Protein backbone atom coordinates (compact mmCIF):
# COMPACT_ATOMS: atom_id res chain seq x y z
CA MET A 1 0.00 0.00 0.00
CA SER A 2 2.66 2.48 -0.96
CA SER A 3 0.04 4.74 -2.54
CA GLN A 4 -1.11 5.67 0.99
CA HIS A 5 1.84 8.01 1.39
CA SER A 6 1.08 10.05 -1.73
CA ARG A 7 -2.55 10.93 -0.98
CA GLU A 8 -4.70 12.50 1.70
CA VAL A 9 -7.38 10.27 3.25
CA LEU A 10 -10.06 11.19 5.76
CA LEU A 11 -11.08 8.48 8.24
CA GLU A 12 -14.27 8.37 10.31
CA TYR A 13 -15.32 5.83 12.93
CA ILE A 14 -18.90 5.49 14.21
CA GLU A 15 -19.72 2.99 16.93
CA VAL A 16 -23.15 1.37 16.69
CA GLY A 17 -23.84 -1.22 19.38
CA GLY A 18 -21.14 -3.89 19.17
CA SER A 19 -19.96 -2.77 15.72
CA VAL A 20 -17.90 0.08 14.30
CA ARG A 21 -18.48 1.61 10.89
CA ALA A 22 -15.19 2.86 9.45
CA SER A 23 -15.28 5.20 6.44
CA ALA A 24 -12.27 6.21 4.35
CA ILE A 25 -12.51 9.08 1.85
CA ASP A 26 -9.83 9.88 -0.73
CA VAL A 27 -9.68 13.69 -0.81
CA ALA A 28 -8.38 13.97 -4.39
CA THR A 29 -11.10 11.83 -6.01
CA GLY A 30 -13.91 12.04 -3.47
CA THR A 31 -14.11 8.24 -3.43
CA GLU A 32 -15.58 6.85 -0.20
CA VAL A 33 -15.60 3.30 1.13
CA CYS A 34 -17.08 1.89 4.32
CA ILE A 35 -16.39 -1.24 6.29
CA VAL A 36 -18.04 -2.63 9.41
CA GLY A 37 -16.14 -4.49 12.10
CA PRO A 38 -16.45 -5.46 15.74
CA VAL A 39 -15.60 -2.95 18.45
CA SER A 40 -12.99 -5.41 19.72
CA ALA A 41 -11.03 -5.14 16.43
CA GLY A 42 -9.32 -1.91 17.47
CA GLU A 43 -8.65 1.27 15.54
CA ALA A 44 -5.41 0.09 13.87
CA GLU A 45 -7.07 -2.98 12.33
CA LEU A 46 -10.13 -1.02 11.19
CA ARG A 47 -7.87 1.67 9.64
CA ARG A 48 -5.78 -0.95 7.84
CA ASN A 49 -8.88 -2.69 6.43
CA ALA A 50 -10.56 0.57 5.38
CA LEU A 51 -7.41 1.77 3.59
CA ALA A 52 -6.96 -1.60 1.90
CA ARG A 53 -10.53 -1.45 0.60
CA LEU A 54 -10.02 2.14 -0.58
CA ASP A 55 -6.86 1.06 -2.45
CA TYR A 56 -8.81 -1.78 -4.06
CA VAL A 57 -11.67 0.48 -5.17
CA LEU A 58 -9.29 3.11 -6.56
CA ARG A 59 -7.41 0.44 -8.55
CA GLN A 60 -10.71 -0.72 -10.09
CA LYS A 61 -11.54 2.75 -11.44
CA PRO A 62 -10.18 3.59 -14.88
CA ALA A 63 -7.38 6.12 -14.96
CA VAL A 64 -8.62 9.68 -14.84
CA GLN A 65 -8.25 11.14 -18.30
CA GLU A 66 -7.66 14.77 -19.07
CA LYS A 67 -11.01 16.50 -19.50
CA VAL A 68 -11.59 17.81 -23.03
CA PRO A 69 -13.53 21.09 -23.12
CA ASP A 70 -17.00 20.96 -24.63
CA ARG A 71 -16.83 22.79 -27.97
CA ARG A 72 -20.49 22.40 -28.93
CA PRO A 73 -22.42 25.61 -29.62
CA GLY A 74 -24.92 26.87 -27.06
CA LEU A 75 -25.00 27.80 -23.40
CA LEU A 76 -23.83 25.55 -20.63
CA VAL A 77 -26.41 25.71 -17.85
């Protein structure tokens, strides 16, 4: 997971009963993933799993291509 060091990621943990919902959001792309684990798992394990899932999802997306400006006539609303 060497790509972790080159991007900014926001992490959020929400405890619900005996479970914790961990969300990881890649700031550059706005991609968000969520995992659910037991409270007993600990923050380090939840962080590692959330970041691994985020890496997986980002690898599945096609490479971001340079956006070509729209040259069609008319107004963009």
